[in-house]
N, C-alpha and C. Protein backbone atom coordinates (compact mmCIF):
# COMPACT_ATOMS: atom_id res chain seq x y z
N MET A 1 -75.31 -27.62 -0.88
CA MET A 1 -74.43 -28.59 -1.51
C MET A 1 -73.38 -27.89 -2.36
N PHE A 2 -73.80 -26.81 -3.01
CA PHE A 2 -72.86 -26.07 -3.85
C PHE A 2 -71.71 -25.52 -3.02
N ASN A 3 -72.02 -25.01 -1.83
CA ASN A 3 -70.97 -24.44 -0.98
C ASN A 3 -69.98 -25.50 -0.53
N ALA A 4 -70.44 -26.68 -0.18
CA ALA A 4 -69.55 -27.76 0.26
C ALA A 4 -68.67 -28.23 -0.91
N GLY A 5 -69.26 -28.34 -2.10
CA GLY A 5 -68.47 -28.75 -3.27
C GLY A 5 -67.44 -27.71 -3.65
N PHE A 6 -67.85 -26.46 -3.59
CA PHE A 6 -66.92 -25.37 -3.92
C PHE A 6 -65.80 -25.30 -2.89
N LEU A 7 -66.15 -25.47 -1.61
CA LEU A 7 -65.15 -25.43 -0.56
C LEU A 7 -64.15 -26.57 -0.71
N SER A 8 -64.62 -27.77 -1.02
CA SER A 8 -63.70 -28.91 -1.19
C SER A 8 -62.81 -28.71 -2.42
N LEU A 9 -63.34 -28.12 -3.48
CA LEU A 9 -62.53 -27.82 -4.65
C LEU A 9 -61.46 -26.78 -4.32
N LEU A 10 -61.83 -25.76 -3.56
CA LEU A 10 -60.89 -24.72 -3.16
C LEU A 10 -59.77 -25.30 -2.31
N VAL A 11 -60.12 -26.17 -1.37
CA VAL A 11 -59.11 -26.82 -0.52
C VAL A 11 -58.17 -27.68 -1.36
N ALA A 12 -58.71 -28.42 -2.32
CA ALA A 12 -57.88 -29.26 -3.19
C ALA A 12 -56.91 -28.42 -4.01
N VAL A 13 -57.39 -27.30 -4.55
CA VAL A 13 -56.52 -26.42 -5.34
C VAL A 13 -55.42 -25.83 -4.47
N LEU A 14 -55.76 -25.38 -3.27
CA LEU A 14 -54.76 -24.83 -2.36
C LEU A 14 -53.71 -25.87 -1.99
N CYS A 15 -54.15 -27.11 -1.76
CA CYS A 15 -53.19 -28.18 -1.44
C CYS A 15 -52.25 -28.44 -2.60
N LEU A 16 -52.78 -28.48 -3.80
CA LEU A 16 -51.94 -28.74 -4.97
C LEU A 16 -50.97 -27.61 -5.24
N THR A 17 -51.40 -26.36 -5.06
CA THR A 17 -50.49 -25.24 -5.31
C THR A 17 -49.43 -25.13 -4.24
N SER A 18 -49.74 -25.56 -3.02
CA SER A 18 -48.72 -25.51 -1.98
C SER A 18 -47.67 -26.59 -2.18
N CYS A 19 -48.01 -27.66 -2.91
CA CYS A 19 -47.05 -28.72 -3.18
C CYS A 19 -46.08 -28.35 -4.30
N ALA A 20 -46.46 -27.43 -5.16
CA ALA A 20 -45.59 -27.02 -6.26
C ALA A 20 -44.43 -26.21 -5.70
N THR A 21 -43.23 -26.63 -6.04
CA THR A 21 -42.07 -25.95 -5.49
C THR A 21 -41.54 -24.96 -6.50
N LYS A 22 -41.36 -23.74 -6.03
CA LYS A 22 -40.76 -22.72 -6.85
C LYS A 22 -39.27 -22.72 -6.56
N PRO A 23 -38.48 -22.25 -7.52
CA PRO A 23 -37.06 -22.16 -7.23
C PRO A 23 -36.79 -21.15 -6.13
N TYR A 24 -35.75 -21.41 -5.36
CA TYR A 24 -35.29 -20.48 -4.35
C TYR A 24 -34.33 -19.51 -5.04
N VAL A 25 -34.60 -18.21 -4.97
CA VAL A 25 -33.78 -17.20 -5.64
C VAL A 25 -33.13 -16.31 -4.58
N SER A 26 -31.82 -16.12 -4.72
CA SER A 26 -31.10 -15.18 -3.85
C SER A 26 -30.20 -14.32 -4.72
N THR A 27 -29.98 -13.09 -4.26
CA THR A 27 -29.12 -12.16 -5.00
C THR A 27 -28.15 -11.49 -4.05
N ASP A 28 -27.06 -11.03 -4.62
CA ASP A 28 -26.07 -10.25 -3.89
C ASP A 28 -25.48 -9.25 -4.87
N TYR A 29 -25.08 -8.09 -4.40
CA TYR A 29 -24.58 -7.06 -5.31
C TYR A 29 -23.68 -6.07 -4.58
N GLU A 30 -22.95 -5.32 -5.36
CA GLU A 30 -22.09 -4.24 -4.86
C GLU A 30 -23.00 -3.06 -4.54
N ALA A 31 -23.15 -2.75 -3.26
CA ALA A 31 -24.12 -1.73 -2.82
C ALA A 31 -23.76 -0.33 -3.32
N SER A 32 -22.50 -0.05 -3.52
CA SER A 32 -22.09 1.30 -3.92
C SER A 32 -22.11 1.50 -5.44
N TYR A 33 -22.44 0.47 -6.20
CA TYR A 33 -22.40 0.58 -7.65
C TYR A 33 -23.62 1.35 -8.17
N ASN A 34 -23.42 2.14 -9.22
CA ASN A 34 -24.49 2.93 -9.82
C ASN A 34 -25.14 2.12 -10.96
N PHE A 35 -26.15 1.36 -10.63
CA PHE A 35 -26.83 0.51 -11.62
C PHE A 35 -27.63 1.32 -12.62
N ALA A 36 -28.01 2.54 -12.25
CA ALA A 36 -28.80 3.39 -13.15
C ALA A 36 -27.99 3.82 -14.37
N ALA A 37 -26.65 3.78 -14.28
CA ALA A 37 -25.80 4.20 -15.39
C ALA A 37 -25.66 3.12 -16.46
N LEU A 38 -26.13 1.92 -16.20
CA LEU A 38 -25.98 0.82 -17.16
C LEU A 38 -26.94 1.00 -18.33
N LYS A 39 -26.39 0.92 -19.55
CA LYS A 39 -27.20 1.09 -20.76
C LYS A 39 -27.06 -0.08 -21.73
N SER A 40 -25.89 -0.74 -21.77
CA SER A 40 -25.66 -1.80 -22.76
C SER A 40 -25.02 -3.02 -22.09
N PHE A 41 -25.22 -4.16 -22.74
CA PHE A 41 -24.70 -5.43 -22.18
C PHE A 41 -24.30 -6.37 -23.31
N ALA A 42 -23.56 -7.40 -22.93
CA ALA A 42 -23.22 -8.51 -23.82
C ALA A 42 -23.24 -9.78 -22.98
N VAL A 43 -23.78 -10.84 -23.55
CA VAL A 43 -23.85 -12.13 -22.85
C VAL A 43 -22.69 -12.99 -23.32
N LYS A 44 -21.90 -13.47 -22.36
CA LYS A 44 -20.81 -14.38 -22.69
C LYS A 44 -21.33 -15.82 -22.64
N SER A 45 -20.81 -16.65 -23.52
CA SER A 45 -21.23 -18.06 -23.56
C SER A 45 -20.70 -18.81 -22.35
N ALA A 46 -21.50 -19.77 -21.89
CA ALA A 46 -21.09 -20.61 -20.76
C ALA A 46 -19.99 -21.55 -21.21
N LYS A 47 -19.06 -21.81 -20.30
CA LYS A 47 -17.97 -22.75 -20.59
C LYS A 47 -18.33 -24.11 -20.02
N GLN A 48 -18.12 -25.14 -20.83
CA GLN A 48 -18.35 -26.50 -20.37
C GLN A 48 -17.00 -27.15 -20.10
N ASP A 49 -16.45 -26.84 -18.93
CA ASP A 49 -15.11 -27.33 -18.65
C ASP A 49 -15.03 -28.23 -17.41
N THR A 50 -16.13 -28.44 -16.71
CA THR A 50 -16.12 -29.34 -15.57
C THR A 50 -17.03 -30.52 -15.86
N LYS A 51 -16.87 -31.55 -15.06
CA LYS A 51 -17.66 -32.77 -15.26
C LYS A 51 -19.16 -32.49 -15.18
N GLU A 52 -19.57 -31.63 -14.23
CA GLU A 52 -20.98 -31.31 -14.07
C GLU A 52 -21.51 -30.56 -15.28
N ASN A 53 -20.73 -29.62 -15.82
CA ASN A 53 -21.18 -28.81 -16.95
C ASN A 53 -21.25 -29.60 -18.24
N ILE A 54 -20.38 -30.58 -18.41
CA ILE A 54 -20.37 -31.35 -19.64
C ILE A 54 -21.65 -32.18 -19.76
N LEU A 55 -22.26 -32.54 -18.64
CA LEU A 55 -23.49 -33.32 -18.68
C LEU A 55 -24.70 -32.51 -19.11
N ILE A 56 -24.58 -31.20 -19.15
CA ILE A 56 -25.69 -30.34 -19.55
C ILE A 56 -25.66 -30.18 -21.06
N SER A 57 -26.79 -30.37 -21.67
CA SER A 57 -26.91 -30.34 -23.12
C SER A 57 -26.51 -28.97 -23.68
N PRO A 58 -25.76 -28.94 -24.78
CA PRO A 58 -25.44 -27.65 -25.41
C PRO A 58 -26.68 -26.93 -25.90
N PHE A 59 -27.74 -27.68 -26.20
CA PHE A 59 -29.00 -27.06 -26.63
C PHE A 59 -29.67 -26.34 -25.46
N THR A 60 -29.54 -26.90 -24.26
CA THR A 60 -30.06 -26.24 -23.07
C THR A 60 -29.29 -24.96 -22.79
N LEU A 61 -27.97 -25.02 -22.92
CA LEU A 61 -27.15 -23.81 -22.71
C LEU A 61 -27.47 -22.75 -23.76
N SER A 62 -27.70 -23.16 -24.99
CA SER A 62 -28.08 -22.23 -26.04
C SER A 62 -29.43 -21.58 -25.72
N HIS A 63 -30.35 -22.36 -25.18
CA HIS A 63 -31.65 -21.84 -24.78
C HIS A 63 -31.49 -20.77 -23.69
N ILE A 64 -30.66 -21.05 -22.69
CA ILE A 64 -30.42 -20.09 -21.61
C ILE A 64 -29.80 -18.81 -22.18
N HIS A 65 -28.82 -18.98 -23.06
CA HIS A 65 -28.13 -17.83 -23.66
C HIS A 65 -29.12 -16.91 -24.38
N SER A 66 -29.97 -17.48 -25.22
CA SER A 66 -30.91 -16.65 -25.96
C SER A 66 -31.98 -16.05 -25.05
N LEU A 67 -32.37 -16.77 -24.00
CA LEU A 67 -33.37 -16.26 -23.07
C LEU A 67 -32.82 -15.09 -22.25
N VAL A 68 -31.59 -15.23 -21.75
CA VAL A 68 -30.95 -14.13 -21.00
C VAL A 68 -30.81 -12.92 -21.91
N ASN A 69 -30.36 -13.15 -23.13
CA ASN A 69 -30.19 -12.06 -24.09
C ASN A 69 -31.51 -11.35 -24.38
N SER A 70 -32.56 -12.11 -24.63
CA SER A 70 -33.85 -11.49 -24.98
C SER A 70 -34.47 -10.76 -23.78
N GLU A 71 -34.33 -11.31 -22.58
CA GLU A 71 -34.90 -10.66 -21.39
C GLU A 71 -34.18 -9.35 -21.07
N LEU A 72 -32.86 -9.36 -21.14
CA LEU A 72 -32.12 -8.13 -20.84
C LEU A 72 -32.27 -7.10 -21.97
N ALA A 73 -32.50 -7.56 -23.20
CA ALA A 73 -32.68 -6.64 -24.33
C ALA A 73 -33.97 -5.83 -24.20
N LYS A 74 -34.87 -6.26 -23.34
CA LYS A 74 -36.09 -5.49 -23.08
C LYS A 74 -35.78 -4.22 -22.28
N ARG A 75 -34.65 -4.23 -21.55
CA ARG A 75 -34.31 -3.10 -20.68
C ARG A 75 -33.02 -2.39 -21.06
N TYR A 76 -32.13 -3.12 -21.74
CA TYR A 76 -30.81 -2.57 -22.09
C TYR A 76 -30.53 -2.85 -23.57
N GLN A 77 -29.52 -2.17 -24.08
CA GLN A 77 -29.12 -2.37 -25.48
C GLN A 77 -28.10 -3.50 -25.55
N SER A 78 -28.36 -4.47 -26.41
CA SER A 78 -27.43 -5.57 -26.63
C SER A 78 -26.40 -5.13 -27.67
N VAL A 79 -25.11 -5.35 -27.38
CA VAL A 79 -24.06 -4.93 -28.31
C VAL A 79 -23.31 -6.16 -28.83
N GLY A 80 -22.67 -5.99 -29.95
CA GLY A 80 -21.91 -7.07 -30.56
C GLY A 80 -20.55 -7.26 -29.89
N GLU A 81 -19.79 -8.18 -30.45
CA GLU A 81 -18.48 -8.51 -29.87
C GLU A 81 -17.45 -7.41 -30.08
N THR A 82 -17.62 -6.57 -31.08
CA THR A 82 -16.63 -5.53 -31.37
C THR A 82 -16.81 -4.28 -30.49
N THR A 83 -17.96 -4.12 -29.90
CA THR A 83 -18.23 -2.95 -29.06
C THR A 83 -18.15 -3.35 -27.59
N THR A 84 -17.58 -2.47 -26.78
CA THR A 84 -17.50 -2.74 -25.35
C THR A 84 -18.80 -2.28 -24.68
N PRO A 85 -19.49 -3.20 -23.99
CA PRO A 85 -20.75 -2.83 -23.31
C PRO A 85 -20.46 -2.21 -21.94
N ASP A 86 -21.50 -1.81 -21.26
CA ASP A 86 -21.36 -1.34 -19.88
C ASP A 86 -21.14 -2.52 -18.92
N PHE A 87 -21.78 -3.66 -19.22
CA PHE A 87 -21.59 -4.83 -18.37
C PHE A 87 -21.71 -6.12 -19.18
N TYR A 88 -21.01 -7.14 -18.68
CA TYR A 88 -21.07 -8.47 -19.27
C TYR A 88 -21.96 -9.36 -18.39
N VAL A 89 -22.58 -10.32 -19.03
CA VAL A 89 -23.42 -11.29 -18.32
C VAL A 89 -22.83 -12.68 -18.56
N THR A 90 -22.58 -13.39 -17.47
CA THR A 90 -22.15 -14.79 -17.57
C THR A 90 -23.14 -15.64 -16.78
N TYR A 91 -23.27 -16.90 -17.16
CA TYR A 91 -24.21 -17.78 -16.48
C TYR A 91 -23.60 -19.17 -16.38
N TYR A 92 -24.03 -19.88 -15.36
CA TYR A 92 -23.55 -21.23 -15.10
C TYR A 92 -24.74 -22.07 -14.66
N VAL A 93 -24.74 -23.32 -15.05
CA VAL A 93 -25.73 -24.28 -14.59
C VAL A 93 -24.97 -25.40 -13.90
N VAL A 94 -25.37 -25.70 -12.68
CA VAL A 94 -24.68 -26.73 -11.89
C VAL A 94 -25.72 -27.74 -11.43
N MET A 95 -25.43 -29.01 -11.65
CA MET A 95 -26.28 -30.10 -11.17
C MET A 95 -25.47 -30.87 -10.14
N GLU A 96 -26.03 -31.03 -8.95
CA GLU A 96 -25.34 -31.74 -7.88
C GLU A 96 -26.26 -32.78 -7.26
N GLU A 97 -25.67 -33.88 -6.81
CA GLU A 97 -26.40 -34.84 -6.00
C GLU A 97 -26.22 -34.42 -4.56
N LYS A 98 -27.33 -34.34 -3.83
CA LYS A 98 -27.29 -33.94 -2.43
C LYS A 98 -27.91 -35.02 -1.58
N LEU A 99 -27.55 -35.02 -0.30
CA LEU A 99 -28.11 -35.95 0.67
C LEU A 99 -29.03 -35.19 1.60
N ASP A 100 -30.19 -35.78 1.88
CA ASP A 100 -31.17 -35.17 2.76
C ASP A 100 -31.56 -36.18 3.82
N PRO A 101 -31.16 -35.95 5.07
CA PRO A 101 -31.57 -36.90 6.11
C PRO A 101 -33.08 -36.81 6.29
N ARG A 102 -33.67 -37.96 6.54
CA ARG A 102 -35.13 -38.00 6.72
C ARG A 102 -35.52 -37.23 7.97
N ALA A 103 -36.63 -36.56 7.89
CA ALA A 103 -37.14 -35.81 9.03
C ALA A 103 -38.18 -36.62 9.79
N TYR A 104 -38.41 -37.84 9.38
CA TYR A 104 -39.40 -38.68 10.04
C TYR A 104 -38.89 -40.11 10.05
N ASP A 105 -39.54 -40.94 10.84
CA ASP A 105 -39.23 -42.35 10.86
C ASP A 105 -40.53 -43.15 10.93
N ASP A 106 -40.42 -44.46 11.13
CA ASP A 106 -41.60 -45.32 11.11
C ASP A 106 -42.52 -45.07 12.30
N MET A 107 -42.07 -44.40 13.34
CA MET A 107 -42.89 -44.14 14.50
C MET A 107 -44.07 -43.24 14.16
N TYR A 108 -43.92 -42.36 13.16
CA TYR A 108 -45.02 -41.48 12.79
C TYR A 108 -46.21 -42.28 12.26
N ALA A 109 -45.95 -43.43 11.70
CA ALA A 109 -47.03 -44.25 11.19
C ALA A 109 -47.71 -45.05 12.29
N MET A 110 -47.16 -45.05 13.50
CA MET A 110 -47.69 -45.86 14.59
C MET A 110 -48.78 -45.16 15.38
N GLY A 111 -49.10 -43.94 15.10
CA GLY A 111 -50.14 -43.25 15.86
C GLY A 111 -49.90 -41.76 15.85
N PHE A 112 -50.72 -41.06 16.60
CA PHE A 112 -50.63 -39.61 16.56
C PHE A 112 -49.63 -39.03 17.55
N TRP A 113 -48.94 -39.87 18.33
CA TRP A 113 -47.99 -39.35 19.29
C TRP A 113 -46.66 -38.95 18.66
N GLY A 114 -46.30 -39.53 17.53
CA GLY A 114 -45.04 -39.19 16.89
C GLY A 114 -43.85 -39.59 17.72
N ARG A 115 -42.76 -38.88 17.59
CA ARG A 115 -41.53 -39.23 18.29
C ARG A 115 -41.54 -38.80 19.75
N GLY A 116 -42.47 -37.95 20.11
CA GLY A 116 -42.50 -37.46 21.48
C GLY A 116 -42.90 -38.54 22.49
N TYR A 117 -43.57 -39.59 22.06
CA TYR A 117 -44.01 -40.64 22.94
C TYR A 117 -43.32 -41.93 22.55
N ARG A 118 -42.72 -42.62 23.48
CA ARG A 118 -42.02 -43.87 23.22
C ARG A 118 -42.78 -45.03 23.87
N TYR A 119 -43.03 -46.05 23.07
CA TYR A 119 -43.62 -47.25 23.63
C TYR A 119 -42.55 -47.94 24.47
N PRO A 120 -42.95 -48.68 25.49
CA PRO A 120 -41.97 -49.30 26.38
C PRO A 120 -41.13 -50.40 25.72
N SER A 121 -41.54 -50.92 24.62
CA SER A 121 -40.83 -52.02 24.00
C SER A 121 -40.22 -51.59 22.68
N SER A 122 -39.09 -52.14 22.34
CA SER A 122 -38.45 -51.81 21.07
C SER A 122 -39.16 -52.47 19.90
N ILE A 123 -40.16 -53.31 20.16
CA ILE A 123 -40.93 -53.95 19.10
C ILE A 123 -41.67 -52.90 18.28
N PHE A 124 -42.12 -51.85 18.98
CA PHE A 124 -42.93 -50.83 18.31
C PHE A 124 -42.10 -49.78 17.59
N TYR A 125 -40.81 -49.73 17.86
CA TYR A 125 -39.98 -48.69 17.24
C TYR A 125 -38.90 -49.32 16.39
N ARG A 126 -38.83 -48.87 15.16
CA ARG A 126 -37.76 -49.31 14.27
C ARG A 126 -37.05 -48.07 13.75
N PRO A 127 -35.74 -48.15 13.56
CA PRO A 127 -35.05 -46.99 12.98
C PRO A 127 -35.53 -46.74 11.55
N PRO A 128 -35.31 -45.56 11.01
CA PRO A 128 -35.77 -45.25 9.65
C PRO A 128 -35.24 -46.24 8.63
N LEU A 129 -36.09 -46.55 7.65
CA LEU A 129 -35.68 -47.44 6.57
C LEU A 129 -34.71 -46.71 5.65
N GLY A 130 -33.80 -47.44 5.04
CA GLY A 130 -32.88 -46.84 4.07
C GLY A 130 -31.82 -45.98 4.72
N GLY A 131 -31.59 -46.16 6.01
CA GLY A 131 -30.54 -45.40 6.66
C GLY A 131 -30.92 -43.96 6.95
N GLY A 132 -32.15 -43.56 6.64
CA GLY A 132 -32.60 -42.22 6.96
C GLY A 132 -32.05 -41.13 6.06
N VAL A 133 -31.53 -41.49 4.89
CA VAL A 133 -30.95 -40.49 3.99
C VAL A 133 -31.61 -40.61 2.62
N ARG A 134 -31.97 -39.46 2.05
CA ARG A 134 -32.50 -39.43 0.69
C ARG A 134 -31.48 -38.75 -0.21
N VAL A 135 -31.36 -39.24 -1.42
CA VAL A 135 -30.48 -38.65 -2.42
C VAL A 135 -31.37 -37.94 -3.44
N TYR A 136 -31.04 -36.69 -3.73
CA TYR A 136 -31.81 -35.93 -4.71
C TYR A 136 -30.86 -35.07 -5.53
N ASN A 137 -31.35 -34.58 -6.65
CA ASN A 137 -30.58 -33.68 -7.51
C ASN A 137 -30.95 -32.25 -7.19
N GLN A 138 -29.92 -31.41 -7.07
CA GLN A 138 -30.11 -29.98 -6.85
C GLN A 138 -29.59 -29.26 -8.09
N GLY A 139 -30.46 -28.49 -8.71
CA GLY A 139 -30.06 -27.70 -9.87
C GLY A 139 -29.87 -26.25 -9.46
N SER A 140 -28.79 -25.64 -9.89
CA SER A 140 -28.52 -24.24 -9.59
C SER A 140 -28.22 -23.49 -10.87
N LEU A 141 -28.85 -22.35 -11.04
CA LEU A 141 -28.56 -21.44 -12.13
C LEU A 141 -27.95 -20.20 -11.50
N ILE A 142 -26.77 -19.83 -11.98
CA ILE A 142 -26.06 -18.67 -11.46
C ILE A 142 -25.88 -17.68 -12.60
N ILE A 143 -26.31 -16.44 -12.38
CA ILE A 143 -26.13 -15.39 -13.37
C ILE A 143 -25.32 -14.28 -12.72
N ASP A 144 -24.20 -13.95 -13.35
CA ASP A 144 -23.31 -12.90 -12.85
C ASP A 144 -23.29 -11.73 -13.81
N MET A 145 -23.25 -10.52 -13.25
CA MET A 145 -23.07 -9.30 -14.02
C MET A 145 -21.72 -8.72 -13.63
N VAL A 146 -20.92 -8.38 -14.64
CA VAL A 146 -19.56 -7.89 -14.41
C VAL A 146 -19.40 -6.55 -15.12
N ASP A 147 -18.84 -5.58 -14.41
CA ASP A 147 -18.56 -4.28 -15.02
C ASP A 147 -17.53 -4.46 -16.13
N ALA A 148 -17.80 -3.95 -17.32
CA ALA A 148 -16.92 -4.16 -18.47
C ALA A 148 -15.60 -3.39 -18.34
N LYS A 149 -15.60 -2.25 -17.69
CA LYS A 149 -14.37 -1.45 -17.57
C LYS A 149 -13.43 -1.98 -16.50
N THR A 150 -13.99 -2.31 -15.34
CA THR A 150 -13.15 -2.75 -14.22
C THR A 150 -12.99 -4.26 -14.13
N GLN A 151 -13.84 -4.99 -14.84
CA GLN A 151 -13.87 -6.46 -14.79
C GLN A 151 -14.18 -6.98 -13.39
N GLN A 152 -14.86 -6.18 -12.59
CA GLN A 152 -15.26 -6.57 -11.24
C GLN A 152 -16.74 -6.97 -11.23
N PRO A 153 -17.08 -7.99 -10.45
CA PRO A 153 -18.49 -8.40 -10.37
C PRO A 153 -19.31 -7.30 -9.68
N ILE A 154 -20.52 -7.08 -10.21
CA ILE A 154 -21.38 -6.06 -9.62
C ILE A 154 -22.69 -6.66 -9.09
N TRP A 155 -23.08 -7.84 -9.59
CA TRP A 155 -24.34 -8.45 -9.17
C TRP A 155 -24.29 -9.94 -9.43
N ARG A 156 -24.93 -10.71 -8.55
CA ARG A 156 -25.07 -12.15 -8.75
C ARG A 156 -26.46 -12.57 -8.33
N GLY A 157 -27.08 -13.39 -9.19
CA GLY A 157 -28.37 -13.98 -8.87
C GLY A 157 -28.26 -15.49 -8.96
N VAL A 158 -28.83 -16.18 -7.98
CA VAL A 158 -28.76 -17.64 -7.93
C VAL A 158 -30.16 -18.19 -7.73
N SER A 159 -30.51 -19.18 -8.54
CA SER A 159 -31.77 -19.89 -8.40
C SER A 159 -31.45 -21.36 -8.14
N GLU A 160 -32.04 -21.91 -7.09
CA GLU A 160 -31.81 -23.31 -6.75
C GLU A 160 -33.15 -24.03 -6.68
N LYS A 161 -33.14 -25.26 -7.16
CA LYS A 161 -34.37 -26.05 -7.14
C LYS A 161 -34.03 -27.52 -7.05
N ARG A 162 -34.80 -28.24 -6.27
CA ARG A 162 -34.69 -29.69 -6.18
C ARG A 162 -35.31 -30.27 -7.44
N LEU A 163 -34.61 -31.18 -8.09
CA LEU A 163 -35.06 -31.72 -9.37
C LEU A 163 -35.28 -33.22 -9.28
N ASN A 164 -36.20 -33.70 -10.09
CA ASN A 164 -36.43 -35.14 -10.21
C ASN A 164 -35.44 -35.72 -11.20
N LYS A 165 -35.09 -36.98 -11.00
CA LYS A 165 -34.21 -37.64 -11.95
C LYS A 165 -34.98 -37.95 -13.23
N GLY A 166 -34.26 -37.97 -14.34
CA GLY A 166 -34.84 -38.37 -15.60
C GLY A 166 -35.74 -37.33 -16.24
N LEU A 167 -35.48 -36.06 -15.98
CA LEU A 167 -36.29 -35.02 -16.63
C LEU A 167 -35.97 -34.97 -18.12
N SER A 168 -36.99 -34.80 -18.92
CA SER A 168 -36.78 -34.65 -20.35
C SER A 168 -36.12 -33.30 -20.63
N PRO A 169 -35.42 -33.16 -21.75
CA PRO A 169 -34.81 -31.86 -22.08
C PRO A 169 -35.83 -30.73 -22.13
N GLN A 170 -37.05 -31.01 -22.60
CA GLN A 170 -38.08 -29.98 -22.65
C GLN A 170 -38.46 -29.52 -21.25
N LYS A 171 -38.60 -30.46 -20.31
CA LYS A 171 -38.94 -30.11 -18.93
C LYS A 171 -37.79 -29.34 -18.28
N GLN A 172 -36.54 -29.74 -18.57
CA GLN A 172 -35.39 -29.00 -18.05
C GLN A 172 -35.42 -27.56 -18.52
N ARG A 173 -35.74 -27.36 -19.79
CA ARG A 173 -35.79 -26.00 -20.34
C ARG A 173 -36.92 -25.19 -19.73
N GLU A 174 -38.06 -25.83 -19.45
CA GLU A 174 -39.16 -25.14 -18.79
C GLU A 174 -38.74 -24.65 -17.40
N ILE A 175 -38.07 -25.53 -16.65
CA ILE A 175 -37.61 -25.17 -15.31
C ILE A 175 -36.57 -24.06 -15.38
N LEU A 176 -35.63 -24.18 -16.33
CA LEU A 176 -34.59 -23.16 -16.47
C LEU A 176 -35.18 -21.83 -16.95
N THR A 177 -36.18 -21.87 -17.80
CA THR A 177 -36.83 -20.63 -18.25
C THR A 177 -37.44 -19.90 -17.06
N SER A 178 -38.12 -20.64 -16.22
CA SER A 178 -38.70 -20.05 -15.02
C SER A 178 -37.62 -19.48 -14.12
N ALA A 179 -36.51 -20.21 -13.97
CA ALA A 179 -35.41 -19.75 -13.10
C ALA A 179 -34.78 -18.48 -13.66
N VAL A 180 -34.53 -18.43 -14.97
CA VAL A 180 -33.93 -17.25 -15.58
C VAL A 180 -34.83 -16.04 -15.39
N LEU A 181 -36.12 -16.20 -15.62
CA LEU A 181 -37.05 -15.09 -15.48
C LEU A 181 -37.12 -14.58 -14.04
N GLU A 182 -37.11 -15.52 -13.08
CA GLU A 182 -37.18 -15.10 -11.68
C GLU A 182 -35.89 -14.42 -11.22
N VAL A 183 -34.75 -14.89 -11.71
CA VAL A 183 -33.48 -14.26 -11.33
C VAL A 183 -33.37 -12.87 -11.95
N LEU A 184 -33.64 -12.77 -13.23
CA LEU A 184 -33.49 -11.47 -13.91
C LEU A 184 -34.54 -10.46 -13.47
N ALA A 185 -35.62 -10.91 -12.88
CA ALA A 185 -36.62 -9.99 -12.33
C ALA A 185 -36.05 -9.21 -11.14
N GLN A 186 -34.98 -9.74 -10.55
CA GLN A 186 -34.34 -9.08 -9.41
C GLN A 186 -33.25 -8.08 -9.83
N PHE A 187 -33.00 -7.97 -11.13
CA PHE A 187 -31.94 -7.08 -11.61
C PHE A 187 -32.55 -5.91 -12.38
N PRO A 188 -32.09 -4.70 -12.20
CA PRO A 188 -31.11 -4.24 -11.23
C PRO A 188 -31.72 -4.17 -9.83
N PRO A 189 -30.87 -4.23 -8.81
CA PRO A 189 -31.40 -4.17 -7.45
C PRO A 189 -31.95 -2.78 -7.14
N LEU A 190 -32.93 -2.74 -6.27
CA LEU A 190 -33.51 -1.46 -5.84
C LEU A 190 -32.68 -0.94 -4.67
N ASN A 191 -32.04 0.18 -4.86
CA ASN A 191 -31.21 0.76 -3.77
C ASN A 191 -32.03 1.62 -2.86
């Protein structure tokens, strides 16, 4: 009995962890750049100049700023505004509404044949409810590294995640904290 109970608990935990969505992280960088020469950095404040950015709380942006600063300070020296660093860090948060066409319809509920089998009558088949489109929010965190001398970009990290509507500011900060940590874990790139 212990083995069956343990096995069912293990299956339940695996199912729940597979449902948790992690942010999708991608990076791009200048392959010829010497990242090993970087010693100091400065974080520039995010600009709230577009409609999407204005909707993001200044407290959330402040949280991102201090988190980026503290994470990079573990590996590089943070410099003030009067000193020129080796690289600048800029970040952006973008919230977008996206459309997702449904990958299923009511036929899946009619039996195990799915869409591959058609009943002879249209009584059994109905097109997807709601027009077959879902609307969801996509959150993107973009972190750019720019060479201070040339003002050319040297690295970009992007984290994207599907978000639920009506997230509390605390939950938004938790998600963004995870995104910042996952993006900065990819910097500097391994050549």
